[in-house]
C-alpha atoms as a PDB file:
ATOM      1  CA  UNK A   1       0.003  -0.010  -0.001  1.00  0.00           C
ATOM      2  CA  UNK A   2       1.260   3.471  -0.752  1.00  0.00           C
ATOM      3  CA  UNK A   3       3.463   5.362  -0.416  1.00  0.00           C
ATOM      4  CA  UNK A   4       1.066   8.110   0.686  1.00  0.00           C
ATOM      5  CA  UNK A   5       1.700  11.743   1.533  1.00  0.00           C
ATOM      6  CA  UNK A   6       0.559  12.341   5.118  1.00  0.00           C
ATOM      7  CA  UNK A   7       1.313  15.839   6.311  1.00  0.00           C
ATOM      8  CA  UNK A   8       4.995  16.471   5.551  1.00  0.00           C
ATOM      9  CA  UNK A   9       5.942  12.764   5.606  1.00  0.00           C
ATOM     10  CA  UNK A  10       5.888   9.936   3.111  1.00  0.00           C
ATOM     11  CA  UNK A  11       4.270   6.949   4.829  1.00  0.00           C
ATOM     12  CA  UNK A  12       4.168   3.432   3.460  1.00  0.00           C
ATOM     13  CA  UNK A  13       1.590   0.880   4.642  1.00  0.00           C
ATOM     14  CA  UNK A  14       3.277  -2.577   4.510  1.00  0.00           C
ATOM     15  CA  UNK A  15       6.012  -3.474   2.032  1.00  0.00           C
ATOM     16  CA  UNK A  16       5.221  -6.015  -0.687  1.00  0.00           C
ATOM     17  CA  UNK A  17       7.702  -8.608  -1.928  1.00  0.00           C
ATOM     18  CA  UNK A  18       8.324  -6.740  -5.203  1.00  0.00           C
ATOM     19  CA  UNK A  19       9.943  -3.734  -3.537  1.00  0.00           C
ATOM     20  CA  UNK A  20      13.311  -4.389  -5.236  1.00  0.00           C
ATOM     21  CA  UNK A  21      14.551  -0.780  -5.431  1.00  0.00           C
ATOM     22  CA  UNK A  22      15.189   1.614  -2.519  1.00  0.00           C
ATOM     23  CA  UNK A  23      12.072   3.430  -1.343  1.00  0.00           C
ATOM     24  CA  UNK A  24      12.476   6.899   0.151  1.00  0.00           C
ATOM     25  CA  UNK A  25       9.919   6.888   2.953  1.00  0.00           C
ATOM     26  CA  UNK A  26      10.192   8.074   6.522  1.00  0.00           C
ATOM     27  CA  UNK A  27       7.904   5.544   8.190  1.00  0.00           C
ATOM     28  CA  UNK A  28       6.389   2.154   7.521  1.00  0.00           C
ATOM     29  CA  UNK A  29       3.096   1.314   9.231  1.00  0.00           C
ATOM     30  CA  UNK A  30       3.018  -2.460   9.496  1.00  0.00           C
ATOM     31  CA  UNK A  31      -0.445  -4.018   9.754  1.00  0.00           C
ATOM     32  CA  UNK A  32       0.867  -7.581  10.398  1.00  0.00           C
ATOM     33  CA  UNK A  33       3.843  -9.853  10.120  1.00  0.00           C
ATOM     34  CA  UNK A  34       3.084 -12.045   7.097  1.00  0.00           C
ATOM     35  CA  UNK A  35       5.998 -12.371   4.673  1.00  0.00           C
ATOM     36  CA  UNK A  36       4.174 -10.844   1.715  1.00  0.00           C
ATOM     37  CA  UNK A  37       3.830  -7.637   3.729  1.00  0.00           C
ATOM     38  CA  UNK A  38       7.361  -7.288   5.106  1.00  0.00           C
ATOM     39  CA  UNK A  39       9.805  -8.720   2.562  1.00  0.00           C
ATOM     40  CA  UNK A  40      10.541  -5.317   1.056  1.00  0.00           C
ATOM     41  CA  UNK A  41      11.399  -3.610   4.363  1.00  0.00           C
ATOM     42  CA  UNK A  42      15.201  -3.707   3.842  1.00  0.00           C
ATOM     43  CA  UNK A  43      14.666  -1.682   0.634  1.00  0.00           C
ATOM     44  CA  UNK A  44      13.363   1.341   2.571  1.00  0.00           C
ATOM     45  CA  UNK A  45      15.078   4.255   4.233  1.00  0.00           C
ATOM     46  CA  UNK A  46      12.443   4.286   6.979  1.00  0.00           C
ATOM     47  CA  UNK A  47      13.554   5.780  10.284  1.00  0.00           C
ATOM     48  CA  UNK A  48      11.092   3.475  12.077  1.00  0.00           C
ATOM     49  CA  UNK A  49       8.694   0.613  11.387  1.00  0.00           C
ATOM     50  CA  UNK A  50       5.532   0.991  13.470  1.00  0.00           C
ATOM     51  CA  UNK A  51       4.094  -2.377  14.547  1.00  0.00           C
ATOM     52  CA  UNK A  52       2.194  -4.157  17.256  1.00  0.00           C
ATOM     53  CA  UNK A  53       4.567  -5.822  19.792  1.00  0.00           C
ATOM     54  CA  UNK A  54       3.275  -9.308  18.921  1.00  0.00           C
ATOM     55  CA  UNK A  55       3.964  -8.788  15.234  1.00  0.00           C
ATOM     56  CA  UNK A  56       7.407  -7.277  15.878  1.00  0.00           C
ATOM     57  CA  UNK A  57       8.232 -10.194  18.162  1.00  0.00           C
ATOM     58  CA  UNK A  58       7.462 -12.813  15.529  1.00  0.00           C
ATOM     59  CA  UNK A  59       9.621 -10.921  13.038  1.00  0.00           C
ATOM     60  CA  UNK A  60      12.628 -10.495  15.319  1.00  0.00           C
ATOM     61  CA  UNK A  61      12.669 -13.631  17.531  1.00  0.00           C
ATOM     62  CA  UNK A  62      12.950 -16.938  15.652  1.00  0.00           C
ATOM     63  CA  UNK A  63      12.501 -19.043  18.825  1.00  0.00           C
ATOM     64  CA  UNK A  64       9.266 -17.217  19.616  1.00  0.00           C
ATOM     65  CA  UNK A  65       7.999 -17.685  16.059  1.00  0.00           C
ATOM     66  CA  UNK A  66       8.775 -21.423  16.151  1.00  0.00           C
ATOM     67  CA  UNK A  67       7.113 -21.816  19.530  1.00  0.00           C
ATOM     68  CA  UNK A  68       3.966 -20.051  18.337  1.00  0.00           C
ATOM     69  CA  UNK A  69       3.689 -22.169  15.164  1.00  0.00           C
ATOM     70  CA  UNK A  70       4.272 -25.436  17.063  1.00  0.00           C
ATOM     71  CA  UNK A  71       1.577 -24.587  19.636  1.00  0.00           C
ATOM     72  CA  UNK A  72      -0.996 -23.651  16.973  1.00  0.00           C
ATOM     73  CA  UNK A  73      -0.391 -26.806  14.901  1.00  0.00           C
ATOM     74  CA  UNK A  74      -0.552 -29.039  17.979  1.00  0.00           C
ATOM     75  CA  UNK A  75      -3.842 -27.549  19.215  1.00  0.00           C
ATOM     76  CA  UNK A  76      -5.381 -27.741  15.733  1.00  0.00           C
ATOM     77  CA  UNK A  77      -4.447 -31.384  15.249  1.00  0.00           C
ATOM     78  CA  UNK A  78      -2.085 -30.963  12.304  1.00  0.00           C
ATOM     79  CA  UNK A  79       0.561 -33.715  12.397  1.00  0.00           C
ATOM     80  CA  UNK A  80       2.921 -32.607   9.618  1.00  0.00           C
ATOM     81  CA  UNK A  81       5.893 -30.228   9.509  1.00  0.00           C
ATOM     82  CA  UNK A  82       5.705 -26.578   8.450  1.00  0.00           C
ATOM     83  CA  UNK A  83       8.720 -24.610   7.276  1.00  0.00           C
ATOM     84  CA  UNK A  84       9.257 -21.421   9.300  1.00  0.00           C
ATOM     85  CA  UNK A  85      11.091 -18.571   7.629  1.00  0.00           C
ATOM     86  CA  UNK A  86      11.854 -15.599   9.865  1.00  0.00           C
ATOM     87  CA  UNK A  87      13.238 -12.901   7.541  1.00  0.00           C
ATOM     88  CA  UNK A  88      16.312 -10.858   8.502  1.00  0.00           C
ATOM     89  CA  UNK A  89      14.915  -7.372   8.175  1.00  0.00           C
ATOM     90  CA  UNK A  90      17.483  -5.174   9.902  1.00  0.00           C
ATOM     91  CA  UNK A  91      14.950  -2.508  10.877  1.00  0.00           C
ATOM     92  CA  UNK A  92      14.058  -0.622  14.064  1.00  0.00           C
ATOM     93  CA  UNK A  93      10.556  -1.316  15.331  1.00  0.00           C
ATOM     94  CA  UNK A  94       8.467   1.330  17.058  1.00  0.00           C
ATOM     95  CA  UNK A  95       6.138  -0.903  19.058  1.00  0.00           C
ATOM     96  CA  UNK A  96       2.623   0.241  19.874  1.00  0.00           C
ATOM     97  CA  UNK A  97      -0.645  -1.658  20.403  1.00  0.00           C
ATOM     98  CA  UNK A  98      -3.233   1.139  20.700  1.00  0.00           C
ATOM     99  CA  UNK A  99      -3.606   4.886  21.070  1.00  0.00           C
ATOM    100  CA  UNK A 100      -1.905   7.356  18.768  1.00  0.00           C
ATOM    101  CA  UNK A 101       1.415   7.451  16.905  1.00  0.00           C
ATOM    102  CA  UNK A 102       3.028  10.815  15.973  1.00  0.00           C
ATOM    103  CA  UNK A 103       4.819  10.965  12.627  1.00  0.00           C
ATOM    104  CA  UNK A 104       6.592  14.327  12.406  1.00  0.00           C
ATOM    105  CA  UNK A 105       3.755  16.642  11.336  1.00  0.00           C
ATOM    106  CA  UNK A 106       1.031  13.969  11.248  1.00  0.00           C
ATOM    107  CA  UNK A 107      -0.632  11.647  13.732  1.00  0.00           C
ATOM    108  CA  UNK A 108      -2.464   8.373  13.296  1.00  0.00           C
ATOM    109  CA  UNK A 109      -4.892   6.560  15.546  1.00  0.00           C
ATOM    110  CA  UNK A 110      -3.695   2.997  16.173  1.00  0.00           C
ATOM    111  CA  UNK A 111      -6.689   0.664  16.128  1.00  0.00           C
ATOM    112  CA  UNK A 112      -6.299  -2.933  17.317  1.00  0.00           C
ATOM    113  CA  UNK A 113      -7.842  -5.163  14.606  1.00  0.00           C
ATOM    114  CA  UNK A 114      -6.362  -8.492  15.753  1.00  0.00           C
ATOM    115  CA  UNK A 115      -8.385 -10.823  13.621  1.00  0.00           C
ATOM    116  CA  UNK A 116      -6.108 -11.718  10.678  1.00  0.00           C
ATOM    117  CA  UNK A 117      -3.160 -12.066  13.010  1.00  0.00           C
ATOM    118  CA  UNK A 118      -3.184 -11.507  16.782  1.00  0.00           C
ATOM    119  CA  UNK A 119      -1.464  -8.159  16.535  1.00  0.00           C
ATOM    120  CA  UNK A 120      -3.086  -7.034  13.283  1.00  0.00           C
ATOM    121  CA  UNK A 121      -3.345  -3.248  13.405  1.00  0.00           C
ATOM    122  CA  UNK A 122      -5.367  -0.689  11.453  1.00  0.00           C
ATOM    123  CA  UNK A 123      -4.164   2.903  11.172  1.00  0.00           C
ATOM    124  CA  UNK A 124      -6.585   5.813  10.958  1.00  0.00           C
ATOM    125  CA  UNK A 125      -5.428   9.082   9.384  1.00  0.00           C
ATOM    126  CA  UNK A 126      -7.474  12.082   8.388  1.00  0.00           C
ATOM    127  CA  UNK A 127      -6.979  10.847   4.793  1.00  0.00           C
ATOM    128  CA  UNK A 128      -8.368   7.340   5.454  1.00  0.00           C
ATOM    129  CA  UNK A 129      -7.923   4.068   7.303  1.00  0.00           C
ATOM    130  CA  UNK A 130      -5.339   1.416   6.380  1.00  0.00           C
ATOM    131  CA  UNK A 131      -6.853  -2.016   7.123  1.00  0.00           C
ATOM    132  CA  UNK A 132      -4.323  -4.536   5.805  1.00  0.00           C
ATOM    133  CA  UNK A 133      -5.685  -8.060   5.267  1.00  0.00           C
ATOM    134  CA  UNK A 134      -8.837  -7.982   7.396  1.00  0.00           C
ATOM    135  CA  UNK A 135     -10.634  -9.910   4.700  1.00  0.00           C
ATOM    136  CA  UNK A 136      -8.136 -12.795   4.724  1.00  0.00           C
ATOM    137  CA  UNK A 137      -7.590 -15.749   7.057  1.00  0.00           C
ATOM    138  CA  UNK A 138      -9.031 -15.359  10.574  1.00  0.00           C
ATOM    139  CA  UNK A 139      -7.397 -15.947  13.965  1.00  0.00           C
ATOM    140  CA  UNK A 140     -10.200 -14.423  16.059  1.00  0.00           C
ATOM    141  CA  UNK A 141     -13.815 -14.192  14.937  1.00  0.00           C
ATOM    142  CA  UNK A 142     -14.810 -11.975  17.851  1.00  0.00           C
ATOM    143  CA  UNK A 143     -11.992  -9.533  17.062  1.00  0.00           C
ATOM    144  CA  UNK A 144     -13.056  -9.430  13.419  1.00  0.00           C
ATOM    145  CA  UNK A 145     -16.635  -8.647  14.426  1.00  0.00           C
ATOM    146  CA  UNK A 146     -15.371  -5.792  16.645  1.00  0.00           C
ATOM    147  CA  UNK A 147     -13.225  -4.479  13.757  1.00  0.00           C
ATOM    148  CA  UNK A 148     -16.284  -4.496  11.514  1.00  0.00           C
ATOM    149  CA  UNK A 149     -18.211  -2.464  14.095  1.00  0.00           C
ATOM    150  CA  UNK A 150     -15.376   0.106  14.218  1.00  0.00           C
ATOM    151  CA  UNK A 151     -15.290   0.373  10.417  1.00  0.00           C
ATOM    152  CA  UNK A 152     -19.056   0.971  10.330  1.00  0.00           C
ATOM    153  CA  UNK A 153     -18.641   3.987  12.622  1.00  0.00           C
ATOM    154  CA  UNK A 154     -16.196   5.511  10.132  1.00  0.00           C
ATOM    155  CA  UNK A 155     -18.875   5.732   7.454  1.00  0.00           C
ATOM    156  CA  UNK A 156     -17.600   7.203   4.172  1.00  0.00           C
ATOM    157  CA  UNK A 157     -13.991   7.507   5.361  1.00  0.00           C
ATOM    158  CA  UNK A 158     -11.725   6.044   2.623  1.00  0.00           C
ATOM    159  CA  UNK A 159     -10.513   2.514   3.451  1.00  0.00           C
ATOM    160  CA  UNK A 160      -7.362   1.000   1.949  1.00  0.00           C
ATOM    161  CA  UNK A 161      -7.303  -2.843   1.981  1.00  0.00           C
ATOM    162  CA  UNK A 162      -4.006  -4.546   1.166  1.00  0.00           C
ATOM    163  CA  UNK A 163      -5.237  -6.666  -1.753  1.00  0.00           C
ATOM    164  CA  UNK A 164      -8.396  -4.874  -2.887  1.00  0.00           C
ATOM    165  CA  UNK A 165      -9.217  -1.520  -4.451  1.00  0.00           C
ATOM    166  CA  UNK A 166      -9.827   1.409  -2.074  1.00  0.00           C
ATOM    167  CA  UNK A 167     -13.409   1.737  -0.892  1.00  0.00           C
ATOM    168  CA  UNK A 168     -15.262   3.318   2.010  1.00  0.00           C
ATOM    169  CA  UNK A 169     -15.001   2.014   5.546  1.00  0.00           C
ATOM    170  CA  UNK A 170     -18.722   1.306   5.698  1.00  0.00           C
ATOM    171  CA  UNK A 171     -18.720  -0.582   2.383  1.00  0.00           C
ATOM    172  CA  UNK A 172     -15.692  -2.621   3.435  1.00  0.00           C
ATOM    173  CA  UNK A 173     -17.423  -3.430   6.742  1.00  0.00           C
ATOM    174  CA  UNK A 174     -20.400  -4.858   4.889  1.00  0.00           C
ATOM    175  CA  UNK A 175     -18.107  -6.864   2.663  1.00  0.00           C
ATOM    176  CA  UNK A 176     -16.366  -8.321   5.689  1.00  0.00           C
ATOM    177  CA  UNK A 177     -19.683  -9.029   7.399  1.00  0.00           C
ATOM    178  CA  UNK A 178     -20.802 -11.053   4.398  1.00  0.00           C
ATOM    179  CA  UNK A 179     -17.528 -12.999   4.502  1.00  0.00           C
ATOM    180  CA  UNK A 180     -18.010 -13.816   8.174  1.00  0.00           C
ATOM    181  CA  UNK A 181     -21.547 -15.048   7.607  1.00  0.00           C
ATOM    182  CA  UNK A 182     -20.403 -17.314   4.799  1.00  0.00           C
ATOM    183  CA  UNK A 183     -17.534 -18.761   6.828  1.00  0.00           C
ATOM    184  CA  UNK A 184     -19.775 -19.364   9.822  1.00  0.00           C
ATOM    185  CA  UNK A 185     -22.183 -21.357   7.652  1.00  0.00           C
ATOM    186  CA  UNK A 186     -19.275 -23.428   6.330  1.00  0.00           C
ATOM    187  CA  UNK A 187     -17.724 -24.086   9.759  1.00  0.00           C
ATOM    188  CA  UNK A 188     -21.051 -25.042  11.288  1.00  0.00           C
ATOM    189  CA  UNK A 189     -21.386 -27.700   8.620  1.00  0.00           C
ATOM    190  CA  UNK A 190     -17.865 -28.929   9.331  1.00  0.00           C
ATOM    191  CA  UNK A 191     -18.024 -29.314  13.128  1.00  0.00           C
ATOM    192  CA  UNK A 192     -18.345 -33.093  12.682  1.00  0.00           C
ATOM    193  CA  UNK A 193     -14.684 -33.101  11.515  1.00  0.00           C
ATOM    194  CA  UNK A 194     -13.891 -32.509  15.196  1.00  0.00           C
ATOM    195  CA  UNK A 195     -10.332 -31.107  15.090  1.00  0.00           C
ATOM    196  CA  UNK A 196      -9.779 -27.451  14.107  1.00  0.00           C
ATOM    197  CA  UNK A 197      -7.462 -28.328  11.238  1.00  0.00           C
ATOM    198  CA  UNK A 198      -9.896 -30.777   9.664  1.00  0.00           C
ATOM    199  CA  UNK A 199     -12.784 -28.350  10.236  1.00  0.00           C
ATOM    200  CA  UNK A 200     -10.860 -25.644   8.372  1.00  0.00           C
ATOM    201  CA  UNK A 201      -9.870 -28.001   5.568  1.00  0.00           C
ATOM    202  CA  UNK A 202     -13.560 -28.931   5.220  1.00  0.00           C
ATOM    203  CA  UNK A 203     -14.704 -25.294   5.278  1.00  0.00           C
ATOM    204  CA  UNK A 204     -12.003 -23.819   3.057  1.00  0.00           C
ATOM    205  CA  UNK A 205     -11.153 -26.775   0.805  1.00  0.00           C
ATOM    206  CA  UNK A 206      -7.416 -26.063   0.768  1.00  0.00           C
ATOM    207  CA  UNK A 207      -4.783 -23.738   2.153  1.00  0.00           C
ATOM    208  CA  UNK A 208      -1.581 -23.296   4.083  1.00  0.00           C
ATOM    209  CA  UNK A 209      -1.516 -25.651   7.135  1.00  0.00           C
ATOM    210  CA  UNK A 210      -0.693 -22.845   9.582  1.00  0.00           C
ATOM    211  CA  UNK A 211      -3.464 -20.563   8.255  1.00  0.00           C
ATOM    212  CA  UNK A 212      -5.953 -23.447   8.269  1.00  0.00           C
ATOM    213  CA  UNK A 213      -4.956 -24.319  11.841  1.00  0.00           C
ATOM    214  CA  UNK A 214      -5.221 -20.751  13.111  1.00  0.00           C
ATOM    215  CA  UNK A 215      -8.620 -20.252  11.492  1.00  0.00           C
ATOM    216  CA  UNK A 216      -9.983 -23.628  12.562  1.00  0.00           C
ATOM    217  CA  UNK A 217      -9.139 -22.804  16.156  1.00  0.00           C
ATOM    218  CA  UNK A 218     -10.695 -19.343  15.792  1.00  0.00           C
ATOM    219  CA  UNK A 219     -14.030 -20.641  14.533  1.00  0.00           C
ATOM    220  CA  UNK A 220     -14.109 -23.519  17.025  1.00  0.00           C
ATOM    221  CA  UNK A 221     -13.634 -21.036  19.873  1.00  0.00           C
ATOM    222  CA  UNK A 222     -16.294 -18.695  18.489  1.00  0.00           C
ATOM    223  CA  UNK A 223     -18.820 -21.519  18.152  1.00  0.00           C
ATOM    224  CA  UNK A 224     -18.007 -22.420  21.774  1.00  0.00           C
ATOM    225  CA  UNK A 225     -18.494 -18.764  22.848  1.00  0.00           C
ATOM    226  CA  UNK A 226     -22.004 -18.703  21.347  1.00  0.00           C
ATOM    227  CA  UNK A 227     -22.890 -22.066  22.936  1.00  0.00           C
ATOM    228  CA  UNK A 228     -23.039 -24.245  19.800  1.00  0.00           C
ATOM    229  CA  UNK A 229     -20.146 -26.570  20.668  1.00  0.00           C
ATOM    230  CA  UNK A 230     -17.960 -27.552  23.584  1.00  0.00           C
ATOM    231  CA  UNK A 231     -14.167 -27.767  23.334  1.00  0.00           C
ATOM    232  CA  UNK A 232     -12.490 -30.896  24.610  1.00  0.00           C
ATOM    233  CA  UNK A 233      -8.710 -30.846  25.198  1.00  0.00           C
ATOM    234  CA  UNK A 234      -6.811 -34.117  24.960  1.00  0.00           C
ATOM    235  CA  UNK A 235      -3.067 -34.317  24.730  1.00  0.00           C
ATOM    236  CA  UNK A 236      -2.845 -30.618  23.965  1.00  0.00           C
ATOM    237  CA  UNK A 237      -5.204 -31.015  21.002  1.00  0.00           C
ATOM    238  CA  UNK A 238      -8.638 -29.364  20.642  1.00  0.00           C
ATOM    239  CA  UNK A 239     -11.721 -31.361  19.715  1.00  0.00           C
ATOM    240  CA  UNK A 240     -15.219 -30.097  18.960  1.00  0.00           C
ATOM    241  CA  UNK A 241     -18.274 -31.679  20.547  1.00  0.00           C
ATOM    242  CA  UNK A 242     -21.666 -30.519  19.338  1.00  0.00           C
ATOM    243  CA  UNK A 243     -24.084 -29.367  22.049  1.00  0.00           C
END
């Protein structure tokens, strides 16, 4: 996304993998840690990369990243191996989870949107809101529903998704709401698969094992929150039991 002129500063929202030439920006606002959003960071002259502490931790601590992935796969019931690639970025992180961030002559509201990743962050400027990959894989259904509610309050404020054309915050909220309803229908039909990974494979059809595992756990927990299933834990693995 970007770069965008915000006040007197050039601000870039996430860095895609095709950033092969140096980019003259002062700040990078990182929505989340996925490789396709950070691989171009070394090509920038940014004085700071603004990110949630959870996202910064996964990008700077390989042991932490491996521990997180192992825990998710175990709980979801995935038995295979997943390659973990922690990129060497060589950047300075400015860690913030909520509130406001000051960027020279501009300020942005930092909005927790932890639904695509646990530390997924949206950034609200006067010019619009940067939302990253809110419409992608889900790690928390409740957090996504809260993010949708926030977007609705922003009305016609421009919204900049990572992989879609700019739209309004309200329109993007309705698009996300429709996505959630469709996924809930699919996961309700897949509860009989019992483990989160198999539920996600049933609901989605295919996908990266880690993303399937994260999302399967997310929807299992949400269905438990609304009283439709109970979660059984055996050997560190989650199982769904219909109520």
